[in-house]
C-alpha atoms as a PDB file:
ATOM      1  CA  MET A   1     223.993 187.620-132.969  1.00  0.00           C
ATOM      2  CA  PRO A   2     224.774 186.031-136.729  1.00  0.00           C
ATOM      3  CA  PRO A   3     221.355 184.313-138.160  1.00  0.00           C
ATOM      4  CA  ASP A   4     221.597 179.970-138.036  1.00  0.00           C
ATOM      5  CA  ASP A   5     222.805 178.871-141.434  1.00  0.00           C
ATOM      6  CA  PRO A   6     219.993 176.724-142.177  1.00  0.00           C
ATOM      7  CA  ARG A   7     222.454 174.370-144.064  1.00  0.00           C
ATOM      8  CA  LYS A   8     223.546 172.702-141.442  1.00  0.00           C
ATOM      9  CA  THR A   9     222.766 170.695-138.441  1.00  0.00           C
ATOM     10  CA  ARG A  10     223.181 172.939-135.442  1.00  0.00           C
ATOM     11  CA  VAL A  11     224.135 171.142-132.360  1.00  0.00           C
ATOM     12  CA  LEU A  12     223.707 172.127-128.739  1.00  0.00           C
ATOM     13  CA  VAL A  13     226.487 169.739-126.172  1.00  0.00           C
ATOM     14  CA  ILE A  14     224.896 169.853-122.702  1.00  0.00           C
ATOM     15  CA  ASP A  15     228.317 168.811-120.795  1.00  0.00           C
ATOM     16  CA  ASN A  16     229.355 170.092-116.806  1.00  0.00           C
ATOM     17  CA  GLN A  17     232.652 168.495-117.596  1.00  0.00           C
ATOM     18  CA  ALA A  18     234.443 170.603-120.129  1.00  0.00           C
ATOM     19  CA  TRP A  19     236.915 168.170-121.992  1.00  0.00           C
ATOM     20  CA  GLY A  20     233.573 166.161-122.777  1.00  0.00           C
ATOM     21  CA  ALA A  21     232.170 168.778-124.065  1.00  0.00           C
ATOM     22  CA  GLU A  22     234.964 169.463-126.228  1.00  0.00           C
ATOM     23  CA  ALA A  23     235.813 166.385-126.893  1.00  0.00           C
ATOM     24  CA  LEU A  24     231.915 165.987-128.688  1.00  0.00           C
ATOM     25  CA  ALA A  25     232.288 169.262-130.123  1.00  0.00           C
ATOM     26  CA  ARG A  26     235.273 169.068-131.857  1.00  0.00           C
ATOM     27  CA  MET A  27     234.128 165.468-133.455  1.00  0.00           C
ATOM     28  CA  LEU A  28     231.181 167.046-134.326  1.00  0.00           C
ATOM     29  CA  ILE A  29     232.051 170.240-135.802  1.00  0.00           C
ATOM     30  CA  ASP A  30     234.821 168.507-138.438  1.00  0.00           C
ATOM     31  CA  ASP A  31     231.758 166.796-139.503  1.00  0.00           C
ATOM     32  CA  GLY A  32     229.877 170.101-140.834  1.00  0.00           C
ATOM     33  CA  HIS A  33     227.537 171.009-137.929  1.00  0.00           C
ATOM     34  CA  ASP A  34     227.663 174.080-136.273  1.00  0.00           C
ATOM     35  CA  VAL A  35     227.773 173.484-132.407  1.00  0.00           C
ATOM     36  CA  ASP A  36     227.366 175.829-128.854  1.00  0.00           C
ATOM     37  CA  ILE A  37     228.461 174.333-125.726  1.00  0.00           C
ATOM     38  CA  ALA A  38     226.198 175.202-122.424  1.00  0.00           C
ATOM     39  CA  GLU A  39     228.502 174.090-119.051  1.00  0.00           C
ATOM     40  CA  SER A  40     225.222 173.748-116.926  1.00  0.00           C
ATOM     41  CA  GLU A  41     220.827 173.403-117.961  1.00  0.00           C
ATOM     42  CA  VAL A  42     220.606 176.959-116.795  1.00  0.00           C
ATOM     43  CA  ILE A  43     223.200 178.192-119.959  1.00  0.00           C
ATOM     44  CA  ALA A  44     221.160 175.172-122.175  1.00  0.00           C
ATOM     45  CA  LEU A  45     217.881 176.641-121.541  1.00  0.00           C
ATOM     46  CA  GLU A  46     219.250 180.273-122.178  1.00  0.00           C
ATOM     47  CA  LYS A  47     221.047 179.250-125.509  1.00  0.00           C
ATOM     48  CA  LEU A  48     217.838 177.347-126.559  1.00  0.00           C
ATOM     49  CA  ALA A  49     215.723 180.498-126.225  1.00  0.00           C
ATOM     50  CA  GLN A  50     218.158 182.524-128.615  1.00  0.00           C
ATOM     51  CA  HIS A  51     218.906 179.989-131.452  1.00  0.00           C
ATOM     52  CA  ARG A  52     217.521 177.019-133.067  1.00  0.00           C
ATOM     53  CA  TYR A  53     218.509 173.380-132.869  1.00  0.00           C
ATOM     54  CA  ASP A  54     218.665 170.266-134.287  1.00  0.00           C
ATOM     55  CA  LEU A  55     220.051 168.752-132.488  1.00  0.00           C
ATOM     56  CA  ILE A  56     220.519 168.370-128.832  1.00  0.00           C
ATOM     57  CA  VAL A  57     223.183 165.601-127.261  1.00  0.00           C
ATOM     58  CA  CYS A  58     223.075 165.699-123.016  1.00  0.00           C
ATOM     59  CA  ASP A  59     225.701 163.656-120.417  1.00  0.00           C
ATOM     60  CA  ALA A  60     222.984 161.983-118.603  1.00  0.00           C
ATOM     61  CA  ARG A  61     225.196 162.125-115.898  1.00  0.00           C
ATOM     62  CA  MET A  62     225.828 165.059-114.911  1.00  0.00           C
ATOM     63  CA  GLN A  63     226.015 166.437-111.014  1.00  0.00           C
ATOM     64  CA  GLY A  64     222.693 167.024-109.656  1.00  0.00           C
ATOM     65  CA  PRO A  65     219.407 166.835-111.894  1.00  0.00           C
ATOM     66  CA  ALA A  66     220.287 169.116-114.545  1.00  0.00           C
ATOM     67  CA  SER A  67     219.419 165.698-117.738  1.00  0.00           C
ATOM     68  CA  ALA A  68     215.963 165.782-116.405  1.00  0.00           C
ATOM     69  CA  GLY A  69     215.209 169.203-114.792  1.00  0.00           C
ATOM     70  CA  LEU A  70     215.827 169.843-118.806  1.00  0.00           C
ATOM     71  CA  SER A  71     213.862 167.102-120.525  1.00  0.00           C
ATOM     72  CA  ALA A  72     211.056 168.740-118.452  1.00  0.00           C
ATOM     73  CA  GLU A  73     211.645 172.229-119.000  1.00  0.00           C
ATOM     74  CA  LEU A  74     211.661 170.981-122.689  1.00  0.00           C
ATOM     75  CA  ALA A  75     208.720 168.887-122.194  1.00  0.00           C
ATOM     76  CA  ARG A  76     206.393 172.001-120.576  1.00  0.00           C
ATOM     77  CA  SER A  77     207.494 175.261-123.206  1.00  0.00           C
ATOM     78  CA  ARG A  78     209.246 173.500-125.632  1.00  0.00           C
ATOM     79  CA  PRO A  79     207.129 170.091-126.687  1.00  0.00           C
ATOM     80  CA  ASP A  80     208.540 170.254-129.749  1.00  0.00           C
ATOM     81  CA  LEU A  81     212.508 170.056-129.081  1.00  0.00           C
ATOM     82  CA  VAL A  82     212.021 166.296-126.701  1.00  0.00           C
ATOM     83  CA  SER A  83     212.417 163.943-129.608  1.00  0.00           C
ATOM     84  CA  ARG A  84     215.380 166.156-130.643  1.00  0.00           C
ATOM     85  CA  ILE A  85     217.442 164.470-127.465  1.00  0.00           C
ATOM     86  CA  VAL A  86     220.543 162.400-126.876  1.00  0.00           C
ATOM     87  CA  PHE A  87     221.389 161.171-123.651  1.00  0.00           C
ATOM     88  CA  MET A  88     224.764 159.756-123.713  1.00  0.00           C
ATOM     89  CA  ASN A  89     227.460 159.014-121.210  1.00  0.00           C
ATOM     90  CA  GLY A  90     230.957 158.778-121.715  1.00  0.00           C
ATOM     91  CA  THR A  91     231.889 156.406-118.563  1.00  0.00           C
ATOM     92  CA  PRO A  92     232.923 153.545-120.222  1.00  0.00           C
ATOM     93  CA  PRO A  93     231.631 149.910-119.447  1.00  0.00           C
ATOM     94  CA  GLY A  94     232.414 149.438-115.628  1.00  0.00           C
ATOM     95  CA  GLY A  95     232.066 152.653-114.301  1.00  0.00           C
ATOM     96  CA  SER A  96     235.747 153.959-113.975  1.00  0.00           C
ATOM     97  CA  VAL A  97     237.635 155.881-116.717  1.00  0.00           C
ATOM     98  CA  ILE A  98     241.840 155.391-116.936  1.00  0.00           C
ATOM     99  CA  GLY A  99     243.493 158.349-116.688  1.00  0.00           C
END
């Protein structure tokens, strides 16, 4: 595993919807960040054990208790990361997606 590049902000995007995670990752990469994607809480925790992250962006509407479980686990095991979590939601106001 290559060492983390200290010159770039490293971001972990957590989203069980691949299209959403990939779209956000592309924007962050285009802006010069290193980005990893995790499709579940379990994968996210594995990646957090392997790498240093400056920011964690988590879909607040993932199926199941993933976002709440991740927050609780990080508060217990990695309290230094709790202030680096951003919860987001790709659903527009009104709750429907056109498409």
